[in-house]
Amino acid sequence: MKKIAMKKSFFLIFSLFFLAGCGFHLRQPISAHMDLPTIQITSQLKNPQQLVIVQKYLTQAGFTLTDTQAPITVNLLVMQLETRPYSYNALAKVAEYQLIQTLNYQLFDDHQKPLSPVIKIYIDRIYSVDQQNLSGNHQEDTLIQEELKTHALEQLAEQLNQTLKYIAQPQHGS
């Protein structure tokens, strides 16, 4: 009985050290511990479904969105995924692909004056092609595409969060 209790204790302690070491406890929602102003999202994206994805993600991250005029407007300019060959094998077939996720946006105030230049988020990944497992390649490609989109949206939310914190600070020396 003591051996079982000792094994459970050891396993519990090992699990705690493992979880503490992996950094999972550092993960937290992106939204700050302050009231963020309401933002408006406008879009020049070609695919309206992309706007819905961005709005859903920002809402989940703690932002309040409105369709009417707001103190800050985020104008989405480009959200695209590009795939290009990265390297070739001896048979002149693609050995590796590069996936590139781009998200460009610009911030405006409530008078439609630019608060920022065009901000570009650029994320890329390179993955190897297994000529023997084409269905596995497709699954890997799809997974990487979703990962890139998620990373781009995380960066957008974090940049908006930091920008809104800066704007909310009282201006000194004026």
C-alpha atoms as a PDB file:
ATOM      1  CA  MET A   1       0.000   0.000   0.000  1.00  0.00           C
ATOM      2  CA  LYS A   2       2.880   2.357   0.804  1.00  0.00           C
ATOM      3  CA  LYS A   3       4.459   1.631  -2.580  1.00  0.00           C
ATOM      4  CA  ILE A   4       1.275   2.633  -4.418  1.00  0.00           C
ATOM      5  CA  ALA A   5       0.960   5.851  -2.394  1.00  0.00           C
ATOM      6  CA  MET A   6       4.650   6.570  -2.987  1.00  0.00           C
ATOM      7  CA  LYS A   7       4.266   5.985  -6.735  1.00  0.00           C
ATOM      8  CA  LYS A   8       1.235   8.282  -6.839  1.00  0.00           C
ATOM      9  CA  SER A   9       3.142  10.976  -4.926  1.00  0.00           C
ATOM     10  CA  PHE A  10       6.138  10.637  -7.222  1.00  0.00           C
ATOM     11  CA  PHE A  11       3.887  10.794 -10.300  1.00  0.00           C
ATOM     12  CA  LEU A  12       2.084  13.866  -8.953  1.00  0.00           C
ATOM     13  CA  ILE A  13       5.343  15.684  -8.183  1.00  0.00           C
ATOM     14  CA  PHE A  14       6.784  14.720 -11.572  1.00  0.00           C
ATOM     15  CA  SER A  15       3.612  15.967 -13.308  1.00  0.00           C
ATOM     16  CA  LEU A  16       3.760  19.302 -11.490  1.00  0.00           C
ATOM     17  CA  PHE A  17       7.401  19.822 -12.454  1.00  0.00           C
ATOM     18  CA  PHE A  18       6.652  18.836 -16.036  1.00  0.00           C
ATOM     19  CA  LEU A  19       3.700  21.241 -16.325  1.00  0.00           C
ATOM     20  CA  ALA A  20       5.639  24.056 -14.660  1.00  0.00           C
ATOM     21  CA  GLY A  21       8.577  23.488 -17.001  1.00  0.00           C
ATOM     22  CA  CYS A  22       6.540  23.517 -20.205  1.00  0.00           C
ATOM     23  CA  GLY A  23       5.214  27.037 -19.581  1.00  0.00           C
ATOM     24  CA  PHE A  24       1.536  26.113 -19.761  1.00  0.00           C
ATOM     25  CA  HIS A  25       0.887  28.174 -16.621  1.00  0.00           C
ATOM     26  CA  LEU A  26       2.189  31.263 -18.443  1.00  0.00           C
ATOM     27  CA  ARG A  27      -0.541  31.091 -21.065  1.00  0.00           C
ATOM     28  CA  GLN A  28      -3.284  33.592 -20.480  1.00  0.00           C
ATOM     29  CA  PRO A  29      -5.904  35.364 -22.521  1.00  0.00           C
ATOM     30  CA  ILE A  30      -4.499  38.068 -24.769  1.00  0.00           C
ATOM     31  CA  SER A  31      -6.827  40.783 -23.483  1.00  0.00           C
ATOM     32  CA  ALA A  32      -5.344  43.105 -20.896  1.00  0.00           C
ATOM     33  CA  HIS A  33      -6.519  43.634 -17.354  1.00  0.00           C
ATOM     34  CA  MET A  34      -8.030  46.967 -18.323  1.00  0.00           C
ATOM     35  CA  ASP A  35     -11.113  48.176 -20.141  1.00  0.00           C
ATOM     36  CA  LEU A  36     -10.360  48.306 -23.842  1.00  0.00           C
ATOM     37  CA  PRO A  37     -12.224  50.855 -25.926  1.00  0.00           C
ATOM     38  CA  THR A  38     -14.728  49.590 -28.442  1.00  0.00           C
ATOM     39  CA  ILE A  39     -13.224  49.121 -31.883  1.00  0.00           C
ATOM     40  CA  GLN A  40     -14.739  49.035 -35.329  1.00  0.00           C
ATOM     41  CA  ILE A  41     -13.473  46.623 -37.972  1.00  0.00           C
ATOM     42  CA  THR A  42     -13.633  47.647 -41.612  1.00  0.00           C
ATOM     43  CA  SER A  43     -12.416  45.481 -44.406  1.00  0.00           C
ATOM     44  CA  GLN A  44     -11.015  45.584 -47.888  1.00  0.00           C
ATOM     45  CA  LEU A  45     -10.571  41.811 -47.865  1.00  0.00           C
ATOM     46  CA  LYS A  46     -11.661  39.965 -50.990  1.00  0.00           C
ATOM     47  CA  ASN A  47     -13.185  37.083 -49.013  1.00  0.00           C
ATOM     48  CA  PRO A  48     -15.944  38.217 -46.601  1.00  0.00           C
ATOM     49  CA  GLN A  49     -15.534  34.992 -44.606  1.00  0.00           C
ATOM     50  CA  GLN A  50     -12.080  36.200 -43.528  1.00  0.00           C
ATOM     51  CA  LEU A  51     -13.664  39.256 -41.895  1.00  0.00           C
ATOM     52  CA  VAL A  52     -15.986  36.980 -39.918  1.00  0.00           C
ATOM     53  CA  ILE A  53     -12.994  34.913 -38.746  1.00  0.00           C
ATOM     54  CA  VAL A  54     -11.112  38.036 -37.600  1.00  0.00           C
ATOM     55  CA  GLN A  55     -14.185  39.434 -35.804  1.00  0.00           C
ATOM     56  CA  LYS A  56     -14.818  36.126 -34.038  1.00  0.00           C
ATOM     57  CA  TYR A  57     -11.189  35.830 -32.930  1.00  0.00           C
ATOM     58  CA  LEU A  58     -10.988  39.414 -31.616  1.00  0.00           C
ATOM     59  CA  THR A  59     -14.267  38.999 -29.736  1.00  0.00           C
ATOM     60  CA  GLN A  60     -12.952  35.824 -28.104  1.00  0.00           C
ATOM     61  CA  ALA A  61      -9.746  37.706 -27.211  1.00  0.00           C
ATOM     62  CA  GLY A  62     -11.796  40.210 -25.201  1.00  0.00           C
ATOM     63  CA  PHE A  63     -12.294  43.081 -27.642  1.00  0.00           C
ATOM     64  CA  THR A  64     -15.668  44.797 -27.990  1.00  0.00           C
ATOM     65  CA  LEU A  65     -16.598  45.298 -31.638  1.00  0.00           C
ATOM     66  CA  THR A  66     -19.171  47.624 -33.147  1.00  0.00           C
ATOM     67  CA  ASP A  67     -20.536  48.288 -36.638  1.00  0.00           C
ATOM     68  CA  THR A  68     -20.860  52.003 -35.943  1.00  0.00           C
ATOM     69  CA  GLN A  69     -18.205  54.654 -35.455  1.00  0.00           C
ATOM     70  CA  ALA A  70     -15.749  53.860 -32.643  1.00  0.00           C
ATOM     71  CA  PRO A  71     -12.698  55.592 -31.123  1.00  0.00           C
ATOM     72  CA  ILE A  72     -10.453  53.156 -33.034  1.00  0.00           C
ATOM     73  CA  THR A  73     -11.092  51.648 -36.452  1.00  0.00           C
ATOM     74  CA  VAL A  74      -9.077  48.687 -37.696  1.00  0.00           C
ATOM     75  CA  ASN A  75      -9.079  48.569 -41.487  1.00  0.00           C
ATOM     76  CA  LEU A  76      -8.134  45.090 -42.710  1.00  0.00           C
ATOM     77  CA  LEU A  77      -6.327  45.394 -46.025  1.00  0.00           C
ATOM     78  CA  VAL A  78      -4.887  41.973 -46.892  1.00  0.00           C
ATOM     79  CA  MET A  79      -5.236  38.499 -45.430  1.00  0.00           C
ATOM     80  CA  GLN A  80      -3.787  35.879 -47.702  1.00  0.00           C
ATOM     81  CA  LEU A  81      -1.980  32.603 -47.674  1.00  0.00           C
ATOM     82  CA  GLU A  82       0.641  31.901 -50.299  1.00  0.00           C
ATOM     83  CA  THR A  83       2.334  28.582 -51.056  1.00  0.00           C
ATOM     84  CA  ARG A  84       5.550  28.439 -53.009  1.00  0.00           C
ATOM     85  CA  PRO A  85       8.199  25.803 -53.690  1.00  0.00           C
ATOM     86  CA  TYR A  86      11.163  26.172 -51.372  1.00  0.00           C
ATOM     87  CA  SER A  87      13.514  23.425 -52.517  1.00  0.00           C
ATOM     88  CA  TYR A  88      13.668  20.605 -55.042  1.00  0.00           C
ATOM     89  CA  ASN A  89      14.978  17.037 -54.864  1.00  0.00           C
ATOM     90  CA  ALA A  90      17.270  15.255 -57.353  1.00  0.00           C
ATOM     91  CA  LEU A  91      14.271  14.337 -59.529  1.00  0.00           C
ATOM     92  CA  ALA A  92      13.337  18.024 -59.891  1.00  0.00           C
ATOM     93  CA  LYS A  93      10.230  17.530 -57.737  1.00  0.00           C
ATOM     94  CA  VAL A  94       9.384  19.854 -54.877  1.00  0.00           C
ATOM     95  CA  ALA A  95      11.015  18.607 -51.693  1.00  0.00           C
ATOM     96  CA  GLU A  96       9.884  21.490 -49.442  1.00  0.00           C
ATOM     97  CA  TYR A  97       7.164  24.126 -49.592  1.00  0.00           C
ATOM     98  CA  GLN A  98       7.047  27.510 -47.936  1.00  0.00           C
ATOM     99  CA  LEU A  99       3.652  28.681 -46.638  1.00  0.00           C
ATOM    100  CA  ILE A 100       3.354  32.425 -46.060  1.00  0.00           C
ATOM    101  CA  GLN A 101       0.485  34.031 -44.135  1.00  0.00           C
ATOM    102  CA  THR A 102       0.161  37.787 -44.585  1.00  0.00           C
ATOM    103  CA  LEU A 103      -2.178  40.080 -42.647  1.00  0.00           C
ATOM    104  CA  ASN A 104      -2.004  43.828 -43.327  1.00  0.00           C
ATOM    105  CA  TYR A 105      -4.074  46.428 -41.490  1.00  0.00           C
ATOM    106  CA  GLN A 106      -4.144  50.105 -40.587  1.00  0.00           C
ATOM    107  CA  LEU A 107      -5.543  51.935 -37.553  1.00  0.00           C
ATOM    108  CA  PHE A 108      -7.675  55.069 -37.744  1.00  0.00           C
ATOM    109  CA  ASP A 109      -9.153  57.363 -35.094  1.00  0.00           C
ATOM    110  CA  ASP A 110     -12.815  58.369 -34.877  1.00  0.00           C
ATOM    111  CA  HIS A 111     -12.223  61.168 -37.437  1.00  0.00           C
ATOM    112  CA  GLN A 112     -10.714  58.666 -39.908  1.00  0.00           C
ATOM    113  CA  LYS A 113      -7.226  60.104 -39.443  1.00  0.00           C
ATOM    114  CA  PRO A 114      -4.529  57.408 -39.657  1.00  0.00           C
ATOM    115  CA  LEU A 115      -3.084  56.433 -36.287  1.00  0.00           C
ATOM    116  CA  SER A 116      -0.518  54.143 -37.905  1.00  0.00           C
ATOM    117  CA  PRO A 117       1.059  53.319 -41.227  1.00  0.00           C
ATOM    118  CA  VAL A 118       0.031  50.036 -42.813  1.00  0.00           C
ATOM    119  CA  ILE A 119       1.087  47.329 -40.365  1.00  0.00           C
ATOM    120  CA  LYS A 120       2.188  44.051 -41.920  1.00  0.00           C
ATOM    121  CA  ILE A 121       2.105  40.712 -40.139  1.00  0.00           C
ATOM    122  CA  TYR A 122       4.137  38.121 -42.017  1.00  0.00           C
ATOM    123  CA  ILE A 123       4.496  34.523 -40.849  1.00  0.00           C
ATOM    124  CA  ASP A 124       6.036  31.666 -42.792  1.00  0.00           C
ATOM    125  CA  ARG A 125       6.650  27.969 -42.334  1.00  0.00           C
ATOM    126  CA  ILE A 126       8.611  25.484 -44.393  1.00  0.00           C
ATOM    127  CA  TYR A 127       7.546  21.877 -44.547  1.00  0.00           C
ATOM    128  CA  SER A 128       8.906  18.793 -46.284  1.00  0.00           C
ATOM    129  CA  VAL A 129       6.948  16.821 -48.857  1.00  0.00           C
ATOM    130  CA  ASP A 130       6.765  13.059 -48.419  1.00  0.00           C
ATOM    131  CA  GLN A 131       6.301  11.666 -51.944  1.00  0.00           C
ATOM    132  CA  GLN A 132       5.122   8.344 -50.447  1.00  0.00           C
ATOM    133  CA  ASN A 133       2.305   9.872 -48.370  1.00  0.00           C
ATOM    134  CA  LEU A 134       0.352  12.411 -50.395  1.00  0.00           C
ATOM    135  CA  SER A 135      -2.756  12.336 -48.173  1.00  0.00           C
ATOM    136  CA  GLY A 136      -0.537  12.947 -45.134  1.00  0.00           C
ATOM    137  CA  ASN A 137       1.023  15.910 -46.961  1.00  0.00           C
ATOM    138  CA  HIS A 138      -2.421  17.405 -47.517  1.00  0.00           C
ATOM    139  CA  GLN A 139      -3.329  16.978 -43.849  1.00  0.00           C
ATOM    140  CA  GLU A 140      -0.039  18.546 -42.770  1.00  0.00           C
ATOM    141  CA  ASP A 141      -0.564  21.433 -45.193  1.00  0.00           C
ATOM    142  CA  THR A 142      -4.075  22.072 -43.844  1.00  0.00           C
ATOM    143  CA  LEU A 143      -2.852  21.953 -40.251  1.00  0.00           C
ATOM    144  CA  ILE A 144      -0.007  24.386 -40.960  1.00  0.00           C
ATOM    145  CA  GLN A 145      -2.406  26.768 -42.747  1.00  0.00           C
ATOM    146  CA  GLU A 146      -4.676  26.868 -39.692  1.00  0.00           C
ATOM    147  CA  GLU A 147      -1.668  27.346 -37.416  1.00  0.00           C
ATOM    148  CA  LEU A 148      -0.403  30.270 -39.512  1.00  0.00           C
ATOM    149  CA  LYS A 149      -3.831  31.934 -39.534  1.00  0.00           C
ATOM    150  CA  THR A 150      -4.092  31.537 -35.758  1.00  0.00           C
ATOM    151  CA  HIS A 151      -0.599  32.997 -35.203  1.00  0.00           C
ATOM    152  CA  ALA A 152      -1.406  35.973 -37.440  1.00  0.00           C
ATOM    153  CA  LEU A 153      -4.635  36.639 -35.508  1.00  0.00           C
ATOM    154  CA  GLU A 154      -2.780  36.312 -32.186  1.00  0.00           C
ATOM    155  CA  GLN A 155      -0.258  38.897 -33.354  1.00  0.00           C
ATOM    156  CA  LEU A 156      -3.061  41.200 -34.527  1.00  0.00           C
ATOM    157  CA  ALA A 157      -4.810  40.952 -31.151  1.00  0.00           C
ATOM    158  CA  GLU A 158      -1.579  41.508 -29.210  1.00  0.00           C
ATOM    159  CA  GLN A 159      -0.586  44.501 -31.360  1.00  0.00           C
ATOM    160  CA  LEU A 160      -4.060  46.013 -30.959  1.00  0.00           C
ATOM    161  CA  ASN A 161      -3.895  45.415 -27.231  1.00  0.00           C
ATOM    162  CA  GLN A 162      -0.512  47.165 -26.942  1.00  0.00           C
ATOM    163  CA  THR A 163      -1.615  50.039 -29.186  1.00  0.00           C
ATOM    164  CA  LEU A 164      -4.809  50.602 -27.237  1.00  0.00           C
ATOM    165  CA  LYS A 165      -2.866  50.578 -23.952  1.00  0.00           C
ATOM    166  CA  TYR A 166      -0.523  53.226 -25.374  1.00  0.00           C
ATOM    167  CA  ILE A 167      -3.392  55.387 -26.654  1.00  0.00           C
ATOM    168  CA  ALA A 168      -5.190  55.132 -23.305  1.00  0.00           C
ATOM    169  CA  GLN A 169      -2.140  56.457 -21.404  1.00  0.00           C
ATOM    170  CA  PRO A 170      -2.311  60.150 -20.456  1.00  0.00           C
ATOM    171  CA  GLN A 171       0.017  62.198 -22.624  1.00  0.00           C
ATOM    172  CA  HIS A 172       2.837  63.816 -20.643  1.00  0.00           C
ATOM    173  CA  GLY A 173       4.508  67.107 -21.396  1.00  0.00           C
ATOM    174  CA  SER A 174       1.680  68.602 -23.481  1.00  0.00           C
END
